[in-house]
Amino acid sequence: MKNFLVKTIANAAALAVAVWLLDKITLTGDSTGKKAGTLIVVALIFGLVNFLVKPIVKVLTFPLFLLTLGLITLVVNALMLLLTSWVCGKLDLSFHVEGFWTAVLGGLIISVVSWALNLVLPDED
């Protein structure tokens, strides 16, 4: 349970950095508290998408991973971010990613920040 909480906090922080750095990734809300709550829900959705969908996509695109020496990971991460944005739109959450290239850059930022935070934050393992 602690590991899940740590990963969710790291995802929320990484998403916040991406929202802060990129104009085309938006998170709107009336107050800071609502924005923080929305960010936590978005982080949960992003974690769920990465847990359920990403492994299937990786298996289906395995030849491309070999062919591109892993660079297709940027595209897969962008697709997971776009899928999260779509799900948030369906759930009427105020998180939106505008465009594929924004998602590629956002996915890169989120990956780097999450990696760095997971090094710093405590973990059960």
N, C-alpha and C. Protein backbone atom coordinates (compact mmCIF):
# COMPACT_ATOMS: atom_id res chain seq x y z
N MET A 1 0.82 -1.19 0.00
CA MET A 1 0.00 0.00 0.00
C MET A 1 0.87 1.27 0.00
N LYS A 2 1.94 1.21 0.79
CA LYS A 2 2.85 2.36 0.86
C LYS A 2 3.49 2.62 -0.51
N ASN A 3 3.88 1.56 -1.20
CA ASN A 3 4.49 1.69 -2.52
C ASN A 3 3.52 2.33 -3.51
N PHE A 4 2.25 1.94 -3.45
CA PHE A 4 1.22 2.51 -4.32
C PHE A 4 1.07 4.00 -4.05
N LEU A 5 1.07 4.38 -2.79
CA LEU A 5 0.94 5.78 -2.41
C LEU A 5 2.14 6.60 -2.89
N VAL A 6 3.33 6.05 -2.74
CA VAL A 6 4.55 6.73 -3.18
C VAL A 6 4.52 6.93 -4.69
N LYS A 7 4.14 5.91 -5.43
CA LYS A 7 4.09 6.02 -6.89
C LYS A 7 3.03 7.02 -7.35
N THR A 8 1.89 7.06 -6.64
CA THR A 8 0.84 8.01 -6.99
C THR A 8 1.30 9.44 -6.73
N ILE A 9 1.97 9.66 -5.62
CA ILE A 9 2.50 11.00 -5.32
C ILE A 9 3.55 11.40 -6.35
N ALA A 10 4.41 10.47 -6.73
CA ALA A 10 5.44 10.76 -7.74
C ALA A 10 4.78 11.08 -9.08
N ASN A 11 3.75 10.32 -9.46
CA ASN A 11 3.04 10.60 -10.71
C ASN A 11 2.36 11.96 -10.66
N ALA A 12 1.73 12.29 -9.53
CA ALA A 12 1.06 13.59 -9.41
C ALA A 12 2.07 14.73 -9.52
N ALA A 13 3.21 14.58 -8.87
CA ALA A 13 4.24 15.62 -8.95
C ALA A 13 4.78 15.73 -10.38
N ALA A 14 5.00 14.60 -11.03
CA ALA A 14 5.51 14.63 -12.41
C ALA A 14 4.49 15.26 -13.35
N LEU A 15 3.22 14.94 -13.16
CA LEU A 15 2.17 15.57 -13.97
C LEU A 15 2.12 17.07 -13.71
N ALA A 16 2.29 17.48 -12.45
CA ALA A 16 2.29 18.90 -12.12
C ALA A 16 3.43 19.63 -12.81
N VAL A 17 4.60 19.00 -12.87
CA VAL A 17 5.74 19.61 -13.56
C VAL A 17 5.44 19.76 -15.05
N ALA A 18 4.84 18.73 -15.64
CA ALA A 18 4.51 18.80 -17.07
C ALA A 18 3.48 19.90 -17.33
N VAL A 19 2.48 20.02 -16.45
CA VAL A 19 1.47 21.09 -16.60
C VAL A 19 2.14 22.45 -16.46
N TRP A 20 3.07 22.56 -15.53
CA TRP A 20 3.76 23.82 -15.29
C TRP A 20 4.66 24.22 -16.46
N LEU A 21 5.34 23.23 -17.08
CA LEU A 21 6.30 23.53 -18.15
C LEU A 21 5.67 23.70 -19.53
N LEU A 22 4.58 22.99 -19.80
CA LEU A 22 4.01 22.98 -21.15
C LEU A 22 2.65 23.68 -21.17
N ASP A 23 2.52 24.66 -22.04
CA ASP A 23 1.27 25.42 -22.14
C ASP A 23 0.11 24.58 -22.66
N LYS A 24 0.40 23.57 -23.46
CA LYS A 24 -0.66 22.79 -24.09
C LYS A 24 -1.11 21.59 -23.26
N ILE A 25 -0.55 21.44 -22.07
CA ILE A 25 -1.09 20.48 -21.10
C ILE A 25 -1.74 21.34 -20.02
N THR A 26 -3.06 21.24 -19.91
CA THR A 26 -3.79 22.14 -19.04
C THR A 26 -4.48 21.40 -17.90
N LEU A 27 -4.50 22.06 -16.78
CA LEU A 27 -5.23 21.61 -15.59
C LEU A 27 -5.91 22.84 -15.04
N THR A 28 -7.23 22.86 -15.09
CA THR A 28 -7.95 24.04 -14.64
C THR A 28 -8.77 23.70 -13.40
N GLY A 29 -9.03 24.72 -12.63
CA GLY A 29 -9.83 24.55 -11.42
C GLY A 29 -10.05 25.89 -10.75
N ASP A 30 -11.04 25.93 -9.86
CA ASP A 30 -11.39 27.17 -9.17
C ASP A 30 -10.37 27.55 -8.11
N SER A 31 -9.83 26.55 -7.44
CA SER A 31 -8.89 26.82 -6.35
C SER A 31 -7.71 25.86 -6.42
N THR A 32 -6.71 26.16 -5.63
CA THR A 32 -5.54 25.29 -5.58
C THR A 32 -5.90 23.92 -5.05
N GLY A 33 -6.80 23.87 -4.09
CA GLY A 33 -7.24 22.59 -3.53
C GLY A 33 -7.92 21.72 -4.56
N LYS A 34 -8.78 22.31 -5.38
CA LYS A 34 -9.46 21.56 -6.44
C LYS A 34 -8.46 21.07 -7.48
N LYS A 35 -7.49 21.93 -7.80
CA LYS A 35 -6.46 21.53 -8.76
C LYS A 35 -5.64 20.37 -8.21
N ALA A 36 -5.29 20.43 -6.93
CA ALA A 36 -4.50 19.34 -6.31
C ALA A 36 -5.31 18.05 -6.28
N GLY A 37 -6.59 18.14 -5.95
CA GLY A 37 -7.44 16.96 -5.96
C GLY A 37 -7.57 16.36 -7.35
N THR A 38 -7.77 17.23 -8.33
CA THR A 38 -7.86 16.76 -9.72
C THR A 38 -6.55 16.12 -10.14
N LEU A 39 -5.44 16.69 -9.73
CA LEU A 39 -4.13 16.16 -10.08
C LEU A 39 -3.93 14.76 -9.48
N ILE A 40 -4.39 14.53 -8.27
CA ILE A 40 -4.29 13.21 -7.64
C ILE A 40 -5.14 12.20 -8.41
N VAL A 41 -6.36 12.60 -8.79
CA VAL A 41 -7.24 11.70 -9.56
C VAL A 41 -6.63 11.40 -10.92
N VAL A 42 -6.07 12.42 -11.57
CA VAL A 42 -5.42 12.22 -12.86
C VAL A 42 -4.21 11.28 -12.70
N ALA A 43 -3.46 11.44 -11.62
CA ALA A 43 -2.31 10.56 -11.37
C ALA A 43 -2.78 9.11 -11.18
N LEU A 44 -3.91 8.92 -10.50
CA LEU A 44 -4.46 7.58 -10.34
C LEU A 44 -4.87 6.98 -11.68
N ILE A 45 -5.52 7.79 -12.51
CA ILE A 45 -5.92 7.33 -13.84
C ILE A 45 -4.69 7.01 -14.68
N PHE A 46 -3.69 7.88 -14.62
CA PHE A 46 -2.45 7.67 -15.38
C PHE A 46 -1.76 6.38 -14.93
N GLY A 47 -1.73 6.16 -13.63
CA GLY A 47 -1.15 4.92 -13.10
C GLY A 47 -1.93 3.70 -13.54
N LEU A 48 -3.26 3.81 -13.56
CA LEU A 48 -4.09 2.69 -13.99
C LEU A 48 -3.90 2.40 -15.48
N VAL A 49 -3.83 3.45 -16.28
CA VAL A 49 -3.58 3.28 -17.72
C VAL A 49 -2.22 2.61 -17.95
N ASN A 50 -1.21 3.08 -17.21
CA ASN A 50 0.13 2.49 -17.36
C ASN A 50 0.17 1.04 -16.87
N PHE A 51 -0.64 0.71 -15.88
CA PHE A 51 -0.66 -0.64 -15.34
C PHE A 51 -1.42 -1.60 -16.25
N LEU A 52 -2.54 -1.16 -16.82
CA LEU A 52 -3.40 -2.05 -17.60
C LEU A 52 -3.10 -2.06 -19.10
N VAL A 53 -2.90 -0.89 -19.67
CA VAL A 53 -2.80 -0.78 -21.13
C VAL A 53 -1.36 -0.85 -21.63
N LYS A 54 -0.44 -0.21 -20.93
CA LYS A 54 0.93 -0.11 -21.42
C LYS A 54 1.60 -1.47 -21.66
N PRO A 55 1.45 -2.46 -20.77
CA PRO A 55 2.08 -3.76 -21.06
C PRO A 55 1.55 -4.42 -22.33
N ILE A 56 0.27 -4.27 -22.59
CA ILE A 56 -0.32 -4.84 -23.81
C ILE A 56 0.26 -4.15 -25.04
N VAL A 57 0.36 -2.83 -24.99
CA VAL A 57 0.92 -2.07 -26.12
C VAL A 57 2.39 -2.45 -26.32
N LYS A 58 3.13 -2.62 -25.23
CA LYS A 58 4.54 -3.00 -25.35
C LYS A 58 4.71 -4.36 -26.00
N VAL A 59 3.86 -5.31 -25.64
CA VAL A 59 3.94 -6.64 -26.25
C VAL A 59 3.61 -6.57 -27.73
N LEU A 60 2.58 -5.81 -28.07
CA LEU A 60 2.17 -5.71 -29.47
C LEU A 60 3.18 -4.96 -30.33
N THR A 61 3.94 -4.06 -29.72
CA THR A 61 4.91 -3.28 -30.49
C THR A 61 6.35 -3.73 -30.24
N PHE A 62 6.52 -4.92 -29.71
CA PHE A 62 7.87 -5.41 -29.41
C PHE A 62 8.82 -5.36 -30.60
N PRO A 63 8.39 -5.75 -31.81
CA PRO A 63 9.31 -5.63 -32.95
C PRO A 63 9.79 -4.18 -33.18
N LEU A 64 8.90 -3.23 -32.93
CA LEU A 64 9.30 -1.82 -33.09
C LEU A 64 10.30 -1.40 -32.01
N PHE A 65 10.17 -1.98 -30.79
CA PHE A 65 11.15 -1.70 -29.74
C PHE A 65 12.53 -2.15 -30.19
N LEU A 66 12.59 -3.32 -30.78
CA LEU A 66 13.88 -3.83 -31.26
C LEU A 66 14.40 -3.00 -32.43
N LEU A 67 13.52 -2.68 -33.35
CA LEU A 67 13.91 -1.95 -34.56
C LEU A 67 14.40 -0.53 -34.24
N THR A 68 13.75 0.12 -33.28
CA THR A 68 14.10 1.51 -32.97
C THR A 68 15.02 1.62 -31.75
N LEU A 69 15.50 0.48 -31.26
CA LEU A 69 16.37 0.43 -30.08
C LEU A 69 15.74 1.12 -28.87
N GLY A 70 14.43 0.97 -28.74
CA GLY A 70 13.71 1.47 -27.58
C GLY A 70 13.15 2.86 -27.71
N LEU A 71 13.45 3.56 -28.79
CA LEU A 71 12.95 4.93 -28.94
C LEU A 71 11.43 4.98 -29.09
N ILE A 72 10.82 3.87 -29.46
CA ILE A 72 9.36 3.82 -29.58
C ILE A 72 8.71 4.02 -28.20
N THR A 73 9.49 3.89 -27.14
CA THR A 73 8.99 4.13 -25.79
C THR A 73 8.44 5.54 -25.66
N LEU A 74 9.07 6.50 -26.32
CA LEU A 74 8.57 7.88 -26.30
C LEU A 74 7.16 7.96 -26.88
N VAL A 75 6.93 7.23 -27.95
CA VAL A 75 5.62 7.23 -28.59
C VAL A 75 4.60 6.52 -27.69
N VAL A 76 4.99 5.40 -27.10
CA VAL A 76 4.09 4.66 -26.22
C VAL A 76 3.72 5.52 -25.00
N ASN A 77 4.69 6.21 -24.41
CA ASN A 77 4.41 7.09 -23.28
C ASN A 77 3.47 8.23 -23.69
N ALA A 78 3.67 8.76 -24.89
CA ALA A 78 2.79 9.82 -25.39
C ALA A 78 1.37 9.30 -25.56
N LEU A 79 1.24 8.09 -26.09
CA LEU A 79 -0.09 7.52 -26.27
C LEU A 79 -0.77 7.27 -24.92
N MET A 80 -0.02 6.86 -23.92
CA MET A 80 -0.60 6.65 -22.59
C MET A 80 -1.07 7.98 -21.99
N LEU A 81 -0.31 9.06 -22.23
CA LEU A 81 -0.71 10.38 -21.74
C LEU A 81 -1.95 10.88 -22.48
N LEU A 82 -2.01 10.65 -23.79
CA LEU A 82 -3.20 11.03 -24.55
C LEU A 82 -4.42 10.21 -24.12
N LEU A 83 -4.23 8.94 -23.84
CA LEU A 83 -5.33 8.10 -23.36
C LEU A 83 -5.81 8.59 -22.00
N THR A 84 -4.89 8.98 -21.14
CA THR A 84 -5.26 9.54 -19.84
C THR A 84 -6.06 10.82 -20.03
N SER A 85 -5.65 11.67 -20.94
CA SER A 85 -6.37 12.91 -21.23
C SER A 85 -7.78 12.60 -21.73
N TRP A 86 -7.92 11.60 -22.59
CA TRP A 86 -9.22 11.22 -23.12
C TRP A 86 -10.14 10.71 -22.01
N VAL A 87 -9.59 9.83 -21.15
CA VAL A 87 -10.38 9.29 -20.04
C VAL A 87 -10.80 10.43 -19.10
N CYS A 88 -9.90 11.35 -18.82
CA CYS A 88 -10.23 12.50 -17.97
C CYS A 88 -11.34 13.34 -18.60
N GLY A 89 -11.32 13.48 -19.90
CA GLY A 89 -12.39 14.20 -20.59
C GLY A 89 -13.72 13.50 -20.44
N LYS A 90 -13.71 12.18 -20.53
CA LYS A 90 -14.95 11.39 -20.36
C LYS A 90 -15.47 11.46 -18.93
N LEU A 91 -14.56 11.59 -17.96
CA LEU A 91 -14.94 11.69 -16.55
C LEU A 91 -15.18 13.13 -16.11
N ASP A 92 -15.11 14.06 -17.06
CA ASP A 92 -15.34 15.48 -16.82
C ASP A 92 -14.33 16.08 -15.84
N LEU A 93 -13.08 15.62 -15.94
CA LEU A 93 -11.99 16.21 -15.17
C LEU A 93 -11.31 17.27 -16.03
N SER A 94 -10.76 18.27 -15.39
CA SER A 94 -10.21 19.41 -16.13
C SER A 94 -8.72 19.23 -16.45
N PHE A 95 -8.38 18.09 -17.05
CA PHE A 95 -7.01 17.83 -17.49
C PHE A 95 -7.07 17.54 -18.98
N HIS A 96 -6.21 18.24 -19.75
CA HIS A 96 -6.24 18.04 -21.20
C HIS A 96 -4.83 18.18 -21.78
N VAL A 97 -4.52 17.27 -22.70
CA VAL A 97 -3.27 17.32 -23.46
C VAL A 97 -3.63 17.61 -24.91
N GLU A 98 -3.08 18.67 -25.44
CA GLU A 98 -3.41 19.11 -26.79
C GLU A 98 -2.32 18.71 -27.78
N GLY A 99 -2.58 17.65 -28.53
CA GLY A 99 -1.69 17.27 -29.61
C GLY A 99 -0.67 16.20 -29.26
N PHE A 100 -0.26 15.49 -30.30
CA PHE A 100 0.66 14.36 -30.14
C PHE A 100 2.05 14.80 -29.69
N TRP A 101 2.59 15.84 -30.30
CA TRP A 101 3.96 16.25 -29.97
C TRP A 101 4.05 16.83 -28.56
N THR A 102 2.99 17.47 -28.13
CA THR A 102 2.93 17.91 -26.74
C THR A 102 2.93 16.70 -25.81
N ALA A 103 2.21 15.66 -26.21
CA ALA A 103 2.16 14.43 -25.41
C ALA A 103 3.53 13.75 -25.38
N VAL A 104 4.27 13.80 -26.48
CA VAL A 104 5.61 13.20 -26.51
C VAL A 104 6.52 13.94 -25.52
N LEU A 105 6.51 15.26 -25.59
CA LEU A 105 7.34 16.05 -24.68
C LEU A 105 6.87 15.90 -23.23
N GLY A 106 5.55 15.89 -23.04
CA GLY A 106 4.99 15.70 -21.70
C GLY A 106 5.34 14.33 -21.14
N GLY A 107 5.26 13.30 -21.97
CA GLY A 107 5.62 11.95 -21.54
C GLY A 107 7.09 11.86 -21.14
N LEU A 108 7.94 12.55 -21.88
CA LEU A 108 9.37 12.59 -21.55
C LEU A 108 9.60 13.29 -20.21
N ILE A 109 8.95 14.41 -20.02
CA ILE A 109 9.08 15.14 -18.75
C ILE A 109 8.57 14.29 -17.59
N ILE A 110 7.41 13.69 -17.76
CA ILE A 110 6.83 12.87 -16.70
C ILE A 110 7.73 11.68 -16.38
N SER A 111 8.30 11.05 -17.39
CA SER A 111 9.19 9.91 -17.16
C SER A 111 10.43 10.32 -16.36
N VAL A 112 11.05 11.43 -16.74
CA VAL A 112 12.26 11.88 -16.06
C VAL A 112 11.97 12.30 -14.62
N VAL A 113 10.91 13.07 -14.43
CA VAL A 113 10.57 13.53 -13.08
C VAL A 113 10.15 12.35 -12.19
N SER A 114 9.35 11.42 -12.72
CA SER A 114 8.94 10.24 -11.94
C SER A 114 10.15 9.41 -11.55
N TRP A 115 11.06 9.22 -12.49
CA TRP A 115 12.28 8.46 -12.20
C TRP A 115 13.07 9.12 -11.07
N ALA A 116 13.25 10.43 -11.17
CA ALA A 116 14.02 11.16 -10.16
C ALA A 116 13.33 11.10 -8.80
N LEU A 117 12.01 11.27 -8.78
CA LEU A 117 11.28 11.22 -7.51
C LEU A 117 11.27 9.83 -6.90
N ASN A 118 11.20 8.81 -7.73
CA ASN A 118 11.23 7.44 -7.20
C ASN A 118 12.59 7.09 -6.61
N LEU A 119 13.65 7.77 -7.05
CA LEU A 119 14.96 7.59 -6.43
C LEU A 119 15.00 8.21 -5.04
N VAL A 120 14.33 9.34 -4.88
CA VAL A 120 14.38 10.10 -3.64
C VAL A 120 13.36 9.61 -2.61
N LEU A 121 12.14 9.32 -3.08
CA LEU A 121 11.06 8.94 -2.16
C LEU A 121 11.29 7.53 -1.62
N PRO A 122 10.83 7.28 -0.39
CA PRO A 122 11.01 5.95 0.19
C PRO A 122 10.17 4.90 -0.54
N ASP A 123 10.65 3.68 -0.49
CA ASP A 123 10.01 2.57 -1.17
C ASP A 123 10.07 1.34 -0.27
N GLU A 124 9.07 0.47 -0.38
CA GLU A 124 9.04 -0.74 0.43
C GLU A 124 10.15 -1.71 0.07
N ASP A 125 10.52 -1.76 -1.20
CA ASP A 125 11.50 -2.76 -1.67
C ASP A 125 12.83 -2.48 -1.15
